[in-house]
């Protein structure tokens, strides 16, 4: 796998893009802290971009299945690069509306880029290397996040906010250039597929019978809602914790610690998978995620706050590579674009709902009571899904014995 040039291009590209992304995210938080006093209004601003991504999702999925994955990644990368210009205008004018425009274009480009990337990964390596590559790819993403947030925190002290976005723009431009060198073999295309009724020329809605017919995929898809309940309001919680502890430094500690935990989880998940089934991994770490949310009841204690995010990072580091591998191996490749676009839309809807809930609850009941609500909900959802999974497995075993 490590001799594959495409693997290195994807990993280097992810690292460069991640640096640009997190420089921009820290810049967004800083800009909103200066211009927007309400947590709920902050959540509405962030939700505007997510809504745009959801709106173009079905089209993005169909286009990804119809076109070369590299082409989709290049075009969406170009749009993402240009979108940064709108944020530079927002800083120059002090207008939050220009920031909304920036977020809309950024999320539209992401709606095309990430399904194409997820569909490209199984075309780059053999199936037995997928879990390892997914783990390494997510580790590279997390490393870029740790470095990006640390560098952004330093740069905010020594240079204007606009320079963060100039560097972000340069990173996105670098990703575009390196993607040009990617070579993906796609043996099944719209033109030569033997059965066009099941190929990409059909409707986006054709993905739903596929998901329904694959119980393992459906269950994994539903279970991914648990970590999203934490991640959706992640940035707002970080801002609120910073205010509770009256510390700007805690933001960097949280992002760095959560990132380190994620990298450890993604590094060790391959070894864990040798001893445990994918569903054991998913359910176990889904429970751990709920526990980490409950720990945030002690958000006024720095060491327990850092511990909560360390535990959460490790849990999702094991959870997400396992889920991604299940999706990439069980869903037919000719439907990957539409499936990952649908998953992207589901994630964005969940993000949007959680984002609005987080903003509302932070303004009304506060972070510590919200942590109890979200933690209890995560544990209840995980327990319910686990009982449902056991019931499905028992039914399958009974059916097999009868037949």
Protein backbone atom coordinates (compact mmCIF):
# COMPACT_ATOMS: atom_id res chain seq x y z
CA UNK A 1 0.00 0.00 0.00
CA UNK A 2 2.83 2.39 0.89
CA UNK A 3 4.38 1.99 -2.55
CA UNK A 4 1.18 3.32 -4.14
CA UNK A 5 1.69 6.90 -5.35
CA UNK A 6 -2.04 7.62 -5.19
CA UNK A 7 -2.08 6.81 -1.46
CA UNK A 8 0.62 9.40 -0.80
CA UNK A 9 -1.14 11.99 -2.94
CA UNK A 10 -4.39 11.50 -0.99
CA UNK A 11 -2.60 11.68 2.37
CA UNK A 12 -0.47 14.73 1.52
CA UNK A 13 -3.51 16.43 -0.02
CA UNK A 14 -5.56 15.72 3.10
CA UNK A 15 -2.83 17.18 5.33
CA UNK A 16 -2.55 20.37 3.27
CA UNK A 17 -6.34 20.79 3.03
CA UNK A 18 -6.73 20.12 6.76
CA UNK A 19 -4.30 22.89 7.63
CA UNK A 20 -6.28 25.29 5.45
CA UNK A 21 -9.59 24.13 6.88
CA UNK A 22 -8.61 24.55 10.53
CA UNK A 23 -6.90 27.88 10.00
CA UNK A 24 -10.26 28.98 8.58
CA UNK A 25 -12.33 27.41 11.38
CA UNK A 26 -10.32 29.13 14.12
CA UNK A 27 -10.65 32.32 12.11
CA UNK A 28 -14.42 31.82 11.92
CA UNK A 29 -14.69 31.38 15.68
CA UNK A 30 -12.59 34.49 16.30
CA UNK A 31 -14.64 36.55 13.82
CA UNK A 32 -17.96 35.42 15.36
CA UNK A 33 -16.77 36.06 18.90
CA UNK A 34 -16.08 39.65 17.89
CA UNK A 35 -19.25 40.25 15.84
CA UNK A 36 -21.97 37.90 17.20
CA UNK A 37 -22.78 37.87 20.96
CA UNK A 38 -25.48 35.14 20.94
CA UNK A 39 -24.60 31.41 20.78
CA UNK A 40 -27.91 30.73 19.05
CA UNK A 41 -27.19 33.30 16.31
CA UNK A 42 -23.72 31.77 15.88
CA UNK A 43 -25.41 28.41 15.32
CA UNK A 44 -27.77 29.94 12.72
CA UNK A 45 -24.81 31.37 10.80
CA UNK A 46 -23.02 28.02 10.74
CA UNK A 47 -26.27 26.25 9.81
CA UNK A 48 -26.68 28.43 6.69
CA UNK A 49 -23.70 26.77 5.04
CA UNK A 50 -24.84 23.29 6.06
CA UNK A 51 -28.27 23.93 4.53
CA UNK A 52 -26.68 24.84 1.19
CA UNK A 53 -24.68 21.60 1.24
CA UNK A 54 -27.83 19.58 1.91
CA UNK A 55 -29.69 21.27 -0.95
CA UNK A 56 -27.12 20.22 -3.58
CA UNK A 57 -26.54 16.76 -2.07
CA UNK A 58 -28.69 14.66 -4.46
CA UNK A 59 -27.15 16.36 -7.50
CA UNK A 60 -23.66 15.93 -6.04
CA UNK A 61 -24.23 12.19 -5.56
CA UNK A 62 -25.47 11.64 -9.09
CA UNK A 63 -22.65 13.72 -10.60
CA UNK A 64 -20.06 11.78 -8.58
CA UNK A 65 -21.35 8.46 -9.95
CA UNK A 66 -21.54 9.79 -13.51
CA UNK A 67 -18.18 11.56 -13.72
CA UNK A 68 -14.55 10.77 -13.05
CA UNK A 69 -13.89 11.13 -9.30
CA UNK A 70 -10.73 13.15 -9.94
CA UNK A 71 -12.65 15.68 -12.05
CA UNK A 72 -15.25 16.17 -9.32
CA UNK A 73 -12.50 16.66 -6.72
CA UNK A 74 -10.70 19.23 -8.90
CA UNK A 75 -13.79 21.33 -9.67
CA UNK A 76 -15.00 21.32 -6.07
CA UNK A 77 -11.45 22.15 -4.93
CA UNK A 78 -11.37 25.17 -7.21
CA UNK A 79 -14.70 26.43 -5.81
CA UNK A 80 -13.43 25.96 -2.26
CA UNK A 81 -10.31 27.99 -3.05
CA UNK A 82 -12.30 30.88 -4.54
CA UNK A 83 -14.77 30.87 -1.61
CA UNK A 84 -12.06 32.16 0.76
CA UNK A 85 -12.14 35.49 -1.09
CA UNK A 86 -15.64 36.10 0.33
CA UNK A 87 -14.33 35.70 3.88
CA UNK A 88 -11.56 38.21 3.18
CA UNK A 89 -14.28 40.64 2.06
CA UNK A 90 -16.21 39.90 5.30
CA UNK A 91 -13.18 40.83 7.39
CA UNK A 92 -12.52 43.98 5.36
CA UNK A 93 -16.13 45.18 5.62
CA UNK A 94 -16.93 43.73 9.05
CA UNK A 95 -20.06 42.14 7.55
CA UNK A 96 -21.38 38.83 8.88
CA UNK A 97 -23.39 38.42 5.64
CA UNK A 98 -20.21 37.98 3.60
CA UNK A 99 -19.21 35.27 6.03
CA UNK A 100 -22.52 33.54 5.31
CA UNK A 101 -21.73 33.68 1.56
CA UNK A 102 -18.30 32.19 2.29
CA UNK A 103 -19.82 29.33 4.32
CA UNK A 104 -22.43 28.60 1.62
CA UNK A 105 -19.82 28.21 -1.15
CA UNK A 106 -17.50 26.28 1.16
CA UNK A 107 -20.20 23.75 2.06
CA UNK A 108 -21.40 23.39 -1.54
CA UNK A 109 -17.85 22.48 -2.60
CA UNK A 110 -17.63 20.03 0.32
CA UNK A 111 -20.92 18.40 -0.78
CA UNK A 112 -19.16 17.35 -4.00
CA UNK A 113 -15.61 16.81 -2.75
CA UNK A 114 -16.13 14.40 0.15
CA UNK A 115 -18.40 11.84 -1.60
CA UNK A 116 -15.90 11.81 -4.50
CA UNK A 117 -13.02 11.29 -2.05
CA UNK A 118 -14.78 8.46 -0.18
CA UNK A 119 -15.66 6.81 -3.51
CA UNK A 120 -12.05 7.17 -4.70
CA UNK A 121 -10.39 5.50 -1.69
CA UNK A 122 -11.64 1.93 -2.51
CA UNK A 123 -10.35 2.45 -6.08
CA UNK A 124 -6.85 3.25 -4.84
CA UNK A 125 -6.10 0.24 -2.56
CA UNK A 126 -7.13 -3.39 -2.15
CA UNK A 127 -10.07 -4.19 0.13
CA UNK A 128 -7.87 -5.79 2.82
CA UNK A 129 -6.00 -2.47 3.18
CA UNK A 130 -9.11 -0.29 3.44
CA UNK A 131 -9.39 -0.21 7.24
CA UNK A 132 -5.71 0.67 7.56
CA UNK A 133 -5.92 3.42 4.92
CA UNK A 134 -9.11 4.84 6.44
CA UNK A 135 -7.40 4.96 9.82
CA UNK A 136 -4.23 6.57 8.45
CA UNK A 137 -6.24 9.03 6.33
CA UNK A 138 -8.25 10.12 9.37
CA UNK A 139 -5.04 10.34 11.40
CA UNK A 140 -3.49 12.66 8.84
CA UNK A 141 -6.67 14.74 8.92
CA UNK A 142 -6.46 14.93 12.72
CA UNK A 143 -2.74 15.76 12.70
CA UNK A 144 -3.44 18.65 10.34
CA UNK A 145 -6.22 19.74 12.71
CA UNK A 146 -3.90 19.69 15.74
CA UNK A 147 -1.18 21.64 13.90
CA UNK A 148 -3.71 23.94 12.22
CA UNK A 149 -5.38 24.96 15.47
CA UNK A 150 -2.04 25.40 17.26
CA UNK A 151 -0.59 27.49 14.41
CA UNK A 152 -3.82 29.52 14.15
CA UNK A 153 -3.71 30.32 17.88
CA UNK A 154 -0.14 31.58 17.55
CA UNK A 155 -0.79 33.54 14.36
CA UNK A 156 -3.82 35.31 15.85
CA UNK A 157 -1.50 36.86 18.41
CA UNK A 158 1.14 38.11 15.96
CA UNK A 159 -0.77 38.97 12.78
CA UNK A 160 -4.19 40.18 11.53
CA UNK A 161 -7.12 37.75 11.22
CA UNK A 162 -7.12 38.16 7.43
CA UNK A 163 -3.69 36.49 7.18
CA UNK A 164 -5.19 33.22 8.49
CA UNK A 165 -7.50 33.18 5.49
CA UNK A 166 -4.71 34.08 3.07
CA UNK A 167 -2.81 31.03 4.34
CA UNK A 168 -6.00 28.97 4.12
CA UNK A 169 -6.44 30.04 0.50
CA UNK A 170 -2.84 29.03 -0.25
CA UNK A 171 -3.45 25.59 1.30
CA UNK A 172 -6.58 24.99 -0.80
CA UNK A 173 -4.68 26.04 -3.92
CA UNK A 174 -1.97 23.53 -2.97
CA UNK A 175 -4.56 20.78 -2.64
CA UNK A 176 -5.87 21.60 -6.14
CA UNK A 177 -2.36 21.29 -7.61
CA UNK A 178 -1.54 17.99 -5.90
CA UNK A 179 -4.92 16.48 -6.90
CA UNK A 180 -3.91 17.00 -10.54
CA UNK A 181 -1.32 14.22 -10.10
CA UNK A 182 -3.89 11.69 -8.86
CA UNK A 183 -4.50 8.69 -11.15
CA UNK A 184 -7.60 6.64 -10.44
CA UNK A 185 -8.60 3.58 -12.45
CA UNK A 186 -12.38 3.44 -12.77
CA UNK A 187 -13.22 0.26 -14.72
CA UNK A 188 -16.98 0.81 -14.40
CA UNK A 189 -18.15 3.96 -16.14
CA UNK A 190 -21.51 5.30 -17.28
CA UNK A 191 -20.60 4.58 -20.90
CA UNK A 192 -19.49 0.94 -20.62
CA UNK A 193 -21.50 -0.37 -17.67
CA UNK A 194 -23.29 -3.53 -18.83
CA UNK A 195 -26.45 -2.77 -16.92
CA UNK A 196 -27.33 0.91 -17.17
CA UNK A 197 -30.49 0.39 -15.15
CA UNK A 198 -28.27 -0.11 -12.10
CA UNK A 199 -25.60 2.35 -13.12
CA UNK A 200 -25.23 6.05 -12.37
CA UNK A 201 -27.67 7.14 -15.08
CA UNK A 202 -30.58 6.28 -12.80
CA UNK A 203 -32.13 8.36 -10.05
CA UNK A 204 -30.54 9.42 -6.77
CA UNK A 205 -33.48 7.67 -5.04
CA UNK A 206 -32.18 4.29 -6.25
CA UNK A 207 -29.74 4.27 -3.34
CA UNK A 208 -32.55 3.78 -0.80
CA UNK A 209 -33.50 0.19 -1.82
CA UNK A 210 -29.78 -0.65 -1.74
CA UNK A 211 -29.45 0.63 1.84
CA UNK A 212 -32.67 -1.10 2.90
CA UNK A 213 -31.43 -4.38 1.44
CA UNK A 214 -28.18 -4.20 3.43
CA UNK A 215 -29.12 -4.31 7.16
CA UNK A 216 -25.48 -4.02 8.27
CA UNK A 217 -25.11 -0.76 6.30
CA UNK A 218 -28.42 0.63 7.57
CA UNK A 219 -27.54 -0.13 11.19
CA UNK A 220 -24.10 1.46 10.85
CA UNK A 221 -25.62 4.50 9.19
CA UNK A 222 -28.06 5.01 12.05
CA UNK A 223 -25.40 4.40 14.70
CA UNK A 224 -23.19 7.18 13.32
CA UNK A 225 -25.79 9.64 14.63
CA UNK A 226 -24.40 9.12 18.16
CA UNK A 227 -20.97 10.74 17.64
CA UNK A 228 -22.57 13.43 15.49
CA UNK A 229 -24.63 14.45 18.53
CA UNK A 230 -21.33 15.51 20.12
CA UNK A 231 -19.55 16.79 17.02
CA UNK A 232 -22.42 18.94 15.72
CA UNK A 233 -22.04 21.55 18.46
CA UNK A 234 -18.32 20.98 19.04
CA UNK A 235 -17.11 24.49 18.18
CA UNK A 236 -19.86 26.22 20.16
CA UNK A 237 -19.03 24.07 23.19
CA UNK A 238 -15.36 24.97 22.89
CA UNK A 239 -16.21 28.68 22.86
CA UNK A 240 -18.50 28.23 25.87
CA UNK A 241 -15.91 26.26 27.85
CA UNK A 242 -13.39 29.00 27.11
CA UNK A 243 -15.82 31.54 28.57
CA UNK A 244 -16.66 29.38 31.63
CA UNK A 245 -12.99 28.95 32.49
CA UNK A 246 -12.11 32.50 31.35
CA UNK A 247 -9.25 31.08 29.31
CA UNK A 248 -8.36 31.37 25.63
CA UNK A 249 -5.63 28.74 25.99
CA UNK A 250 -8.15 25.99 26.87
CA UNK A 251 -9.44 26.08 23.26
CA UNK A 252 -6.05 24.97 21.94
CA UNK A 253 -5.76 22.34 24.68
CA UNK A 254 -9.17 20.90 23.80
CA UNK A 255 -8.51 20.70 20.06
CA UNK A 256 -5.01 19.29 20.57
CA UNK A 257 -6.07 16.70 23.16
CA UNK A 258 -9.09 15.53 21.19
CA UNK A 259 -6.89 15.26 18.10
CA UNK A 260 -4.24 13.21 19.89
CA UNK A 261 -6.95 10.90 21.25
CA UNK A 262 -8.37 10.48 17.75
CA UNK A 263 -4.97 9.61 16.29
CA UNK A 264 -4.37 6.99 18.98
CA UNK A 265 -7.77 5.43 18.30
CA UNK A 266 -7.34 5.41 14.52
CA UNK A 267 -3.84 3.93 14.92
CA UNK A 268 -4.97 1.13 17.25
CA UNK A 269 -8.29 0.26 15.59
CA UNK A 270 -6.59 -2.14 13.15
CA UNK A 271 -5.23 -4.19 16.09
CA UNK A 272 -8.58 -4.00 17.91
CA UNK A 273 -10.38 -5.27 14.78
CA UNK A 274 -8.26 -8.45 14.86
CA UNK A 275 -9.87 -9.40 18.19
CA UNK A 276 -13.33 -7.84 17.90
CA UNK A 277 -16.07 -7.68 15.27
CA UNK A 278 -16.85 -4.32 13.61
CA UNK A 279 -20.12 -4.09 15.52
CA UNK A 280 -18.48 -4.74 18.86
CA UNK A 281 -16.18 -1.80 18.08
CA UNK A 282 -19.07 0.45 17.01
CA UNK A 283 -21.33 -0.25 20.00
CA UNK A 284 -18.53 -0.20 22.60
CA UNK A 285 -17.15 3.15 21.52
CA UNK A 286 -20.61 4.59 21.02
CA UNK A 287 -21.15 3.99 24.76
CA UNK A 288 -17.77 5.60 25.49
CA UNK A 289 -18.82 8.69 23.50
CA UNK A 290 -21.92 9.03 25.69
CA UNK A 291 -19.76 8.76 28.80
CA UNK A 292 -17.41 11.49 27.54
CA UNK A 293 -20.39 13.81 27.06
CA UNK A 294 -21.47 13.25 30.67
CA UNK A 295 -17.96 14.21 31.81
CA UNK A 296 -18.54 17.72 30.45
CA UNK A 297 -20.81 18.33 33.44
CA UNK A 298 -17.48 19.23 35.05
CA UNK A 299 -16.63 21.77 32.33
CA UNK A 300 -15.46 24.24 34.97
CA UNK A 301 -12.58 21.89 35.90
CA UNK A 302 -9.82 22.14 33.23
CA UNK A 303 -8.31 18.67 33.76
CA UNK A 304 -11.69 16.89 33.55
CA UNK A 305 -12.61 18.94 30.47
CA UNK A 306 -9.40 17.85 28.74
CA UNK A 307 -10.00 14.23 29.84
CA UNK A 308 -13.53 14.29 28.36
CA UNK A 309 -12.23 15.37 24.96
CA UNK A 310 -9.32 12.89 25.11
CA UNK A 311 -11.76 10.02 25.73
CA UNK A 312 -14.10 11.28 23.02
CA UNK A 313 -11.23 11.62 20.53
CA UNK A 314 -10.05 8.05 21.14
CA UNK A 315 -13.59 6.68 20.80
CA UNK A 316 -14.34 8.37 17.47
CA UNK A 317 -10.83 7.44 16.26
CA UNK A 318 -11.90 3.80 16.55
CA UNK A 319 -15.52 4.36 15.49
CA UNK A 320 -15.23 6.28 12.20
CA UNK A 321 -12.60 4.18 10.33
CA UNK A 322 -14.61 1.05 11.16
CA UNK A 323 -17.86 2.60 9.90
CA UNK A 324 -16.17 3.95 6.74
CA UNK A 325 -14.74 0.53 5.91
CA UNK A 326 -18.15 -1.12 6.28
CA UNK A 327 -19.68 1.42 3.90
CA UNK A 328 -16.89 1.12 1.32
CA UNK A 329 -16.93 -2.68 1.25
CA UNK A 330 -20.66 -3.46 1.56
CA UNK A 331 -22.18 -0.82 -0.75
CA UNK A 332 -21.67 -1.62 -4.49
CA UNK A 333 -19.04 0.67 -6.03
CA UNK A 334 -21.36 1.94 -8.76
CA UNK A 335 -23.53 3.45 -6.02
CA UNK A 336 -20.72 4.93 -3.92
CA UNK A 337 -21.21 8.49 -5.14
CA UNK A 338 -24.91 8.52 -4.31
CA UNK A 339 -24.46 6.65 -1.04
CA UNK A 340 -21.72 8.91 0.32
CA UNK A 341 -23.64 11.95 -0.88
CA UNK A 342 -26.72 10.70 1.00
CA UNK A 343 -24.58 10.03 4.08
CA UNK A 344 -23.12 13.52 3.73
CA UNK A 345 -26.64 14.97 3.58
CA UNK A 346 -27.72 12.94 6.63
CA UNK A 347 -24.64 14.15 8.51
CA UNK A 348 -25.37 17.74 7.56
CA UNK A 349 -29.03 17.53 8.63
CA UNK A 350 -27.92 16.04 11.94
CA UNK A 351 -25.22 18.70 12.26
CA UNK A 352 -27.76 21.41 11.61
CA UNK A 353 -30.27 20.08 14.16
CA UNK A 354 -27.56 19.50 16.79
CA UNK A 355 -26.02 22.90 16.05
CA UNK A 356 -29.33 24.68 16.64
CA UNK A 357 -30.07 22.54 19.72
CA UNK A 358 -26.61 23.30 21.11
CA UNK A 359 -26.95 27.04 20.58
CA UNK A 360 -30.44 27.06 22.13
CA UNK A 361 -29.47 24.93 25.14
CA UNK A 362 -26.28 26.90 25.79
CA UNK A 363 -28.36 30.10 25.92
CA UNK A 364 -31.10 28.57 28.11
CA UNK A 365 -29.78 25.82 30.44
CA UNK A 366 -26.00 26.17 30.06
CA UNK A 367 -23.25 23.78 29.01
CA UNK A 368 -23.23 21.53 32.09
CA UNK A 369 -26.95 20.67 32.00
CA UNK A 370 -26.76 20.29 28.22
CA UNK A 371 -23.94 17.74 28.70
CA UNK A 372 -26.24 15.63 30.88
CA UNK A 373 -29.05 15.82 28.30
CA UNK A 374 -26.82 14.89 25.34
CA UNK A 375 -24.92 12.21 27.25
CA UNK A 376 -28.11 10.51 28.45
CA UNK A 377 -29.57 10.69 24.93
CA UNK A 378 -26.43 9.12 23.41
CA UNK A 379 -26.45 6.25 25.91
CA UNK A 380 -30.18 5.65 25.36
CA UNK A 381 -29.76 5.65 21.55
CA UNK A 382 -26.80 3.25 21.74
CA UNK A 383 -28.63 0.86 24.05
CA UNK A 384 -31.70 0.92 21.80
CA UNK A 385 -29.66 0.25 18.65
CA UNK A 386 -27.76 -2.55 20.40
CA UNK A 387 -30.97 -4.33 21.45
CA UNK A 388 -32.34 -3.92 17.94
CA UNK A 389 -29.12 -5.34 16.47
CA UNK A 390 -29.28 -8.39 18.78
CA UNK A 391 -32.89 -8.97 17.75
CA UNK A 392 -31.99 -8.79 14.04
CA UNK A 393 -29.08 -11.18 14.52
CA UNK A 394 -31.27 -13.64 16.42
CA UNK A 395 -33.90 -13.52 13.66
CA UNK A 396 -31.24 -14.22 11.03
CA UNK A 397 -29.88 -17.17 13.00
CA UNK A 398 -33.38 -18.63 13.42
CA UNK A 399 -34.08 -18.21 9.71
CA UNK A 400 -30.83 -19.93 8.79
CA UNK A 401 -31.61 -22.89 11.08
CA UNK A 402 -35.10 -23.29 9.60
CA UNK A 403 -33.79 -23.17 6.04
